[in-house]
């Protein structure tokens, strides 16, 4: 049942929710990024500040295979390659809600050594797919 998730999703927001109720934007409030889920079972993720130099992080990029469970609302990203080599080989669980053209991924809460807790909520909007050309369609010829 991966067809619901397959496609290109554009980042709308990337928020870290702290235990004390504060919200942090590690890539800035105008962060940019995409997650692409292919019908081959592969995915690719990129997040970054809209303007390099703003926000705390320069960017995150990783890829691999994914599993989507619609009934239990989760995705597992099996990381094969990453800008952060210590993430390679990890399975990243994301709670996933698809509502129309909106995808919300929520990372499981993390409890830090100082007792503070955080959770991450990432929202996307599905982008329209480019229609495939049929074999009978021809492209206009141009001379360059």
N, C-alpha and C. Protein backbone atom coordinates (compact mmCIF):
# COMPACT_ATOMS: atom_id res chain seq x y z
N UNK A 1 0.83 -1.19 0.00
CA UNK A 1 0.00 0.00 0.00
C UNK A 1 0.87 1.25 0.00
N UNK A 2 2.05 1.18 -0.65
CA UNK A 2 2.95 2.32 -0.70
C UNK A 2 2.49 3.44 -1.62
N UNK A 3 1.53 3.17 -2.51
CA UNK A 3 1.16 4.18 -3.50
C UNK A 3 0.68 5.49 -2.88
N UNK A 4 0.15 5.45 -1.68
CA UNK A 4 -0.31 6.67 -1.01
C UNK A 4 0.86 7.60 -0.69
N UNK A 5 1.99 7.03 -0.37
CA UNK A 5 3.15 7.80 0.06
C UNK A 5 4.09 8.13 -1.10
N UNK A 6 4.01 7.36 -2.19
CA UNK A 6 4.92 7.54 -3.31
C UNK A 6 4.72 8.92 -3.93
N UNK A 7 5.83 9.59 -4.18
CA UNK A 7 5.79 10.91 -4.81
C UNK A 7 6.83 11.83 -4.22
N UNK A 8 6.73 13.09 -4.60
CA UNK A 8 7.65 14.12 -4.15
C UNK A 8 6.90 15.02 -3.18
N UNK A 9 7.48 15.20 -2.00
CA UNK A 9 6.87 15.99 -0.93
C UNK A 9 7.79 17.15 -0.58
N UNK A 10 7.27 18.37 -0.66
CA UNK A 10 8.06 19.57 -0.37
C UNK A 10 7.91 19.97 1.09
N UNK A 11 9.03 20.30 1.72
CA UNK A 11 9.04 20.69 3.13
C UNK A 11 8.26 21.97 3.36
N UNK A 12 7.37 21.95 4.34
CA UNK A 12 6.62 23.13 4.76
C UNK A 12 7.15 23.65 6.10
N UNK A 13 7.51 22.74 7.01
CA UNK A 13 8.08 23.16 8.30
C UNK A 13 8.85 22.02 8.94
N UNK A 14 9.88 22.39 9.71
CA UNK A 14 10.70 21.44 10.45
C UNK A 14 10.85 22.03 11.85
N UNK A 15 10.16 21.42 12.82
CA UNK A 15 10.12 21.97 14.18
C UNK A 15 10.61 20.95 15.20
N UNK A 16 11.38 21.46 16.16
CA UNK A 16 11.76 20.67 17.32
C UNK A 16 10.93 21.19 18.49
N UNK A 17 10.18 20.30 19.12
CA UNK A 17 9.34 20.66 20.26
C UNK A 17 10.05 20.23 21.54
N UNK A 18 10.36 21.20 22.38
CA UNK A 18 11.04 20.93 23.65
C UNK A 18 10.03 20.62 24.74
N UNK A 19 10.49 19.90 25.75
CA UNK A 19 9.62 19.50 26.85
C UNK A 19 8.97 20.70 27.54
N UNK A 20 9.69 21.83 27.58
CA UNK A 20 9.17 23.02 28.26
C UNK A 20 8.16 23.79 27.40
N UNK A 21 7.82 23.26 26.21
CA UNK A 21 6.83 23.90 25.36
C UNK A 21 7.40 24.79 24.27
N UNK A 22 8.70 25.07 24.34
CA UNK A 22 9.32 25.90 23.32
C UNK A 22 9.44 25.13 22.01
N UNK A 23 9.45 25.90 20.90
CA UNK A 23 9.64 25.32 19.57
C UNK A 23 10.89 25.92 18.97
N UNK A 24 11.73 25.06 18.42
CA UNK A 24 12.98 25.48 17.80
C UNK A 24 12.93 25.13 16.30
N UNK A 25 13.59 25.93 15.48
CA UNK A 25 13.64 25.72 14.04
C UNK A 25 15.12 25.56 13.64
N UNK A 26 15.66 24.34 13.63
CA UNK A 26 17.10 24.16 13.40
C UNK A 26 17.58 24.60 12.03
N UNK A 27 16.68 24.68 11.04
CA UNK A 27 17.04 25.13 9.70
C UNK A 27 16.42 26.49 9.39
N UNK A 28 15.91 27.16 10.40
CA UNK A 28 15.23 28.43 10.23
C UNK A 28 13.75 28.20 9.96
N UNK A 29 12.95 29.24 10.20
CA UNK A 29 11.50 29.10 10.00
C UNK A 29 11.13 28.99 8.53
N UNK A 30 12.05 29.35 7.63
CA UNK A 30 11.78 29.25 6.20
C UNK A 30 12.62 28.15 5.54
N UNK A 31 12.84 27.06 6.28
CA UNK A 31 13.65 25.95 5.77
C UNK A 31 13.10 25.43 4.46
N UNK A 32 13.97 24.78 3.69
CA UNK A 32 13.57 24.19 2.43
C UNK A 32 14.01 22.73 2.42
N UNK A 33 13.36 21.93 1.59
CA UNK A 33 13.74 20.53 1.50
C UNK A 33 12.69 19.71 0.79
N UNK A 34 13.05 18.46 0.58
CA UNK A 34 12.17 17.50 -0.08
C UNK A 34 12.37 16.13 0.54
N UNK A 35 11.33 15.33 0.47
CA UNK A 35 11.46 13.90 0.65
C UNK A 35 10.79 13.28 -0.56
N UNK A 36 11.47 12.32 -1.17
CA UNK A 36 10.95 11.64 -2.35
C UNK A 36 10.84 10.16 -2.03
N UNK A 37 9.64 9.60 -2.20
CA UNK A 37 9.41 8.17 -2.02
C UNK A 37 9.11 7.60 -3.40
N UNK A 38 9.94 6.68 -3.87
CA UNK A 38 9.79 6.08 -5.20
C UNK A 38 9.05 4.76 -5.10
N UNK A 39 8.36 4.40 -6.17
CA UNK A 39 7.63 3.13 -6.17
C UNK A 39 8.57 1.93 -6.19
N UNK A 40 9.88 2.17 -6.32
CA UNK A 40 10.88 1.11 -6.24
C UNK A 40 11.21 0.74 -4.80
N UNK A 41 10.69 1.53 -3.83
CA UNK A 41 10.97 1.27 -2.43
C UNK A 41 12.12 2.10 -1.88
N UNK A 42 12.67 2.98 -2.70
CA UNK A 42 13.75 3.86 -2.25
C UNK A 42 13.22 5.24 -1.90
N UNK A 43 13.96 5.94 -1.04
CA UNK A 43 13.60 7.30 -0.65
C UNK A 43 14.86 8.15 -0.64
N UNK A 44 14.67 9.46 -0.63
CA UNK A 44 15.75 10.42 -0.49
C UNK A 44 15.21 11.60 0.30
N UNK A 45 15.99 12.10 1.27
CA UNK A 45 15.58 13.21 2.13
C UNK A 45 16.65 14.29 2.09
N UNK A 46 16.22 15.54 1.96
CA UNK A 46 17.12 16.70 2.06
C UNK A 46 16.39 17.80 2.83
N UNK A 47 17.07 18.36 3.84
CA UNK A 47 16.57 19.53 4.57
C UNK A 47 17.74 20.50 4.69
N UNK A 48 17.45 21.80 4.58
CA UNK A 48 18.50 22.80 4.74
C UNK A 48 17.88 24.18 4.97
N UNK A 49 18.68 25.10 5.49
CA UNK A 49 18.19 26.48 5.58
C UNK A 49 17.98 27.04 4.18
N UNK A 50 16.99 27.90 4.04
CA UNK A 50 16.74 28.52 2.73
C UNK A 50 17.97 29.31 2.29
N UNK A 51 18.57 29.99 3.22
CA UNK A 51 19.80 30.74 2.95
C UNK A 51 20.90 30.10 3.78
N UNK A 52 21.94 29.63 3.14
CA UNK A 52 23.03 29.02 3.89
C UNK A 52 23.62 30.05 4.84
N UNK A 53 23.89 29.61 6.05
CA UNK A 53 24.39 30.51 7.08
C UNK A 53 23.33 30.84 8.10
N UNK A 54 22.03 30.63 7.77
CA UNK A 54 20.98 30.86 8.76
C UNK A 54 20.62 29.52 9.40
N UNK A 55 20.10 29.55 10.59
CA UNK A 55 19.74 28.32 11.28
C UNK A 55 20.97 27.70 11.93
N UNK A 56 20.76 26.64 12.70
CA UNK A 56 21.85 26.00 13.43
C UNK A 56 22.57 24.94 12.60
N UNK A 57 21.83 24.26 11.72
CA UNK A 57 22.42 23.19 10.92
C UNK A 57 22.56 23.62 9.47
N UNK A 58 23.56 23.12 8.79
CA UNK A 58 23.77 23.43 7.37
C UNK A 58 22.87 22.57 6.49
N UNK A 59 22.47 21.42 6.96
CA UNK A 59 21.59 20.56 6.18
C UNK A 59 21.70 19.11 6.57
N UNK A 60 20.70 18.37 6.18
CA UNK A 60 20.65 16.92 6.39
C UNK A 60 20.29 16.30 5.05
N UNK A 61 20.98 15.24 4.70
CA UNK A 61 20.67 14.52 3.48
C UNK A 61 20.97 13.05 3.71
N UNK A 62 19.99 12.20 3.41
CA UNK A 62 20.22 10.77 3.49
C UNK A 62 19.26 10.03 2.57
N UNK A 63 19.58 8.76 2.29
CA UNK A 63 18.77 7.97 1.36
C UNK A 63 18.84 6.50 1.73
N UNK A 64 17.96 5.71 1.12
CA UNK A 64 17.95 4.27 1.33
C UNK A 64 16.62 3.69 0.92
N UNK A 65 16.27 2.58 1.55
CA UNK A 65 14.97 1.93 1.29
C UNK A 65 14.01 2.34 2.40
N UNK A 66 12.70 2.24 2.11
CA UNK A 66 11.72 2.59 3.13
C UNK A 66 10.63 1.53 3.19
N UNK A 67 9.98 1.47 4.36
CA UNK A 67 8.79 0.65 4.58
C UNK A 67 7.71 1.57 5.08
N UNK A 68 6.53 1.49 4.47
CA UNK A 68 5.40 2.32 4.90
C UNK A 68 4.28 1.41 5.37
N UNK A 69 3.77 1.66 6.58
CA UNK A 69 2.66 0.90 7.13
C UNK A 69 1.50 1.87 7.34
N UNK A 70 0.56 1.84 6.41
CA UNK A 70 -0.57 2.76 6.45
C UNK A 70 -1.49 2.48 7.64
N UNK A 71 -1.71 1.21 7.95
CA UNK A 71 -2.62 0.85 9.04
C UNK A 71 -2.11 1.33 10.39
N UNK A 72 -0.78 1.30 10.59
CA UNK A 72 -0.21 1.72 11.87
C UNK A 72 0.44 3.10 11.79
N UNK A 73 0.32 3.76 10.65
CA UNK A 73 0.81 5.14 10.46
C UNK A 73 2.28 5.32 10.81
N UNK A 74 3.15 4.53 10.17
CA UNK A 74 4.57 4.77 10.34
C UNK A 74 5.34 4.46 9.07
N UNK A 75 6.52 5.06 8.98
CA UNK A 75 7.49 4.80 7.92
C UNK A 75 8.80 4.48 8.61
N UNK A 76 9.51 3.51 8.08
CA UNK A 76 10.88 3.25 8.54
C UNK A 76 11.81 3.59 7.39
N UNK A 77 12.75 4.48 7.65
CA UNK A 77 13.80 4.82 6.69
C UNK A 77 15.01 3.94 7.02
N UNK A 78 15.35 3.03 6.12
CA UNK A 78 16.56 2.20 6.27
C UNK A 78 17.69 2.97 5.59
N UNK A 79 18.51 3.63 6.40
CA UNK A 79 19.52 4.56 5.88
C UNK A 79 20.70 3.79 5.28
N UNK A 80 20.93 4.03 3.99
CA UNK A 80 22.07 3.42 3.29
C UNK A 80 23.23 4.40 3.14
N UNK A 81 22.91 5.69 2.95
CA UNK A 81 23.94 6.72 2.82
C UNK A 81 23.46 8.00 3.46
N UNK A 82 24.41 8.76 4.04
CA UNK A 82 24.04 9.97 4.77
C UNK A 82 25.22 10.93 4.82
N UNK A 83 24.90 12.24 4.93
CA UNK A 83 25.96 13.22 5.19
C UNK A 83 26.61 12.95 6.55
N UNK A 84 25.88 12.27 7.43
CA UNK A 84 26.38 11.90 8.76
C UNK A 84 26.64 10.40 8.76
N UNK A 85 27.89 9.96 8.53
CA UNK A 85 28.19 8.53 8.39
C UNK A 85 27.73 7.67 9.56
N UNK A 86 27.60 8.25 10.77
CA UNK A 86 27.15 7.45 11.92
C UNK A 86 25.67 7.08 11.79
N UNK A 87 24.93 7.67 10.82
CA UNK A 87 23.54 7.30 10.58
C UNK A 87 23.39 6.14 9.60
N UNK A 88 24.46 5.84 8.86
CA UNK A 88 24.39 4.78 7.86
C UNK A 88 24.15 3.43 8.54
N UNK A 89 23.20 2.68 8.02
CA UNK A 89 22.84 1.39 8.59
C UNK A 89 21.75 1.47 9.64
N UNK A 90 21.34 2.69 10.02
CA UNK A 90 20.28 2.85 11.02
C UNK A 90 18.90 2.72 10.39
N UNK A 91 17.94 2.33 11.20
CA UNK A 91 16.54 2.33 10.81
C UNK A 91 15.87 3.46 11.57
N UNK A 92 15.39 4.47 10.85
CA UNK A 92 14.78 5.65 11.47
C UNK A 92 13.26 5.54 11.38
N UNK A 93 12.63 5.37 12.53
CA UNK A 93 11.17 5.30 12.61
C UNK A 93 10.58 6.70 12.58
N UNK A 94 9.56 6.88 11.75
CA UNK A 94 8.83 8.14 11.68
C UNK A 94 7.34 7.82 11.71
N UNK A 95 6.62 8.41 12.66
CA UNK A 95 5.16 8.28 12.64
C UNK A 95 4.68 9.12 11.47
N UNK A 96 3.77 8.60 10.67
CA UNK A 96 3.39 9.26 9.43
C UNK A 96 1.88 9.42 9.34
N UNK A 97 1.45 10.64 9.06
CA UNK A 97 0.04 10.92 8.79
C UNK A 97 -0.06 11.54 7.42
N UNK A 98 -0.85 10.91 6.56
CA UNK A 98 -1.12 11.47 5.24
C UNK A 98 -2.57 11.90 5.24
N UNK A 99 -2.79 13.18 4.99
CA UNK A 99 -4.14 13.75 4.91
C UNK A 99 -4.21 14.58 3.66
N UNK A 100 -4.80 14.02 2.59
CA UNK A 100 -4.85 14.72 1.32
C UNK A 100 -3.45 14.92 0.79
N UNK A 101 -3.07 16.18 0.57
CA UNK A 101 -1.74 16.51 0.06
C UNK A 101 -0.75 16.84 1.17
N UNK A 102 -1.13 16.57 2.42
CA UNK A 102 -0.28 16.90 3.56
C UNK A 102 0.29 15.61 4.18
N UNK A 103 1.60 15.61 4.39
CA UNK A 103 2.30 14.52 5.07
C UNK A 103 2.96 15.10 6.30
N UNK A 104 2.69 14.51 7.45
CA UNK A 104 3.34 14.91 8.70
C UNK A 104 4.14 13.72 9.21
N UNK A 105 5.45 13.93 9.37
CA UNK A 105 6.32 12.92 9.97
C UNK A 105 6.70 13.40 11.36
N UNK A 106 6.57 12.52 12.33
CA UNK A 106 6.94 12.84 13.71
C UNK A 106 7.95 11.81 14.18
N UNK A 107 9.08 12.30 14.66
CA UNK A 107 10.11 11.41 15.18
C UNK A 107 9.76 11.03 16.61
N UNK A 108 10.10 9.80 17.02
CA UNK A 108 9.86 9.43 18.42
C UNK A 108 10.60 10.38 19.36
N UNK A 109 10.03 10.68 20.53
CA UNK A 109 10.68 11.60 21.47
C UNK A 109 12.06 11.09 21.89
N UNK A 110 12.95 12.05 22.12
CA UNK A 110 14.30 11.76 22.59
C UNK A 110 14.46 12.41 23.95
N UNK A 111 15.00 11.66 24.90
CA UNK A 111 15.27 12.21 26.23
C UNK A 111 16.78 12.38 26.38
N UNK A 112 17.22 13.62 26.63
CA UNK A 112 18.64 13.92 26.74
C UNK A 112 19.13 13.66 28.16
N UNK A 113 20.45 13.64 28.33
CA UNK A 113 21.07 13.36 29.63
C UNK A 113 20.64 14.35 30.71
N UNK A 114 20.33 15.60 30.32
CA UNK A 114 19.95 16.60 31.31
C UNK A 114 18.47 16.50 31.71
N UNK A 115 17.76 15.47 31.20
CA UNK A 115 16.36 15.28 31.56
C UNK A 115 15.39 15.96 30.62
N UNK A 116 15.91 16.79 29.71
CA UNK A 116 15.01 17.45 28.76
C UNK A 116 14.60 16.46 27.67
N UNK A 117 13.45 16.69 27.13
CA UNK A 117 12.94 15.82 26.07
C UNK A 117 12.61 16.66 24.85
N UNK A 118 12.75 16.05 23.69
CA UNK A 118 12.41 16.74 22.45
C UNK A 118 11.68 15.78 21.53
N UNK A 119 10.89 16.35 20.66
CA UNK A 119 10.33 15.59 19.55
C UNK A 119 10.40 16.48 18.32
N UNK A 120 10.43 15.86 17.16
CA UNK A 120 10.56 16.59 15.90
C UNK A 120 9.32 16.33 15.07
N UNK A 121 8.74 17.41 14.54
CA UNK A 121 7.60 17.31 13.63
C UNK A 121 7.99 17.97 12.32
N UNK A 122 7.81 17.22 11.24
CA UNK A 122 8.19 17.69 9.91
C UNK A 122 6.96 17.60 9.02
N UNK A 123 6.58 18.73 8.41
CA UNK A 123 5.39 18.76 7.56
C UNK A 123 5.78 19.00 6.11
N UNK A 124 5.07 18.30 5.22
CA UNK A 124 5.31 18.38 3.78
C UNK A 124 4.00 18.57 3.04
N UNK A 125 4.13 19.05 1.80
CA UNK A 125 3.00 19.13 0.89
C UNK A 125 3.37 18.37 -0.38
N UNK A 126 2.46 17.50 -0.83
CA UNK A 126 2.74 16.70 -2.02
C UNK A 126 2.76 17.58 -3.25
N UNK A 127 3.75 17.34 -4.09
CA UNK A 127 3.90 18.08 -5.33
C UNK A 127 3.27 17.28 -6.47
N UNK A 128 2.72 17.97 -7.43
CA UNK A 128 2.13 17.29 -8.57
C UNK A 128 3.22 16.58 -9.36
N UNK A 129 2.92 15.38 -9.76
CA UNK A 129 3.87 14.61 -10.54
C UNK A 129 3.80 15.03 -12.01
N UNK A 130 4.90 14.96 -12.68
CA UNK A 130 4.94 15.28 -14.10
C UNK A 130 4.35 14.09 -14.86
N UNK A 131 3.34 14.34 -15.70
CA UNK A 131 2.75 13.21 -16.43
C UNK A 131 3.76 12.59 -17.39
N UNK A 132 3.69 11.27 -17.50
CA UNK A 132 4.59 10.56 -18.41
C UNK A 132 4.15 10.76 -19.85
N UNK A 133 5.12 10.81 -20.75
CA UNK A 133 4.82 10.88 -22.17
C UNK A 133 4.46 9.49 -22.65
N UNK A 134 3.43 9.38 -23.44
CA UNK A 134 3.11 8.09 -24.01
C UNK A 134 3.99 7.87 -25.24
N UNK A 135 4.11 6.64 -25.67
CA UNK A 135 4.95 6.31 -26.81
C UNK A 135 4.46 7.02 -28.06
N UNK A 136 3.17 7.27 -28.15
CA UNK A 136 2.62 7.89 -29.35
C UNK A 136 2.84 9.40 -29.39
N UNK A 137 3.16 10.01 -28.24
CA UNK A 137 3.41 11.44 -28.24
C UNK A 137 4.81 11.72 -28.76
N UNK A 138 4.96 12.76 -29.54
CA UNK A 138 6.27 13.15 -30.03
C UNK A 138 6.55 14.57 -29.59
N UNK A 139 7.79 14.83 -29.40
CA UNK A 139 8.20 16.18 -29.02
C UNK A 139 8.47 16.99 -30.28
N UNK A 140 8.18 18.28 -30.26
CA UNK A 140 8.45 19.10 -31.44
C UNK A 140 9.96 19.15 -31.68
N UNK A 141 10.33 19.17 -32.94
CA UNK A 141 11.75 19.26 -33.25
C UNK A 141 12.15 20.73 -33.31
N UNK A 142 13.29 21.01 -32.79
CA UNK A 142 13.83 22.36 -32.77
C UNK A 142 15.21 22.32 -33.39
N UNK A 143 15.56 23.35 -34.07
CA UNK A 143 16.94 23.44 -34.55
C UNK A 143 17.66 24.44 -33.65
N UNK A 144 18.81 24.07 -33.22
CA UNK A 144 19.58 24.91 -32.32
C UNK A 144 20.83 25.39 -33.00
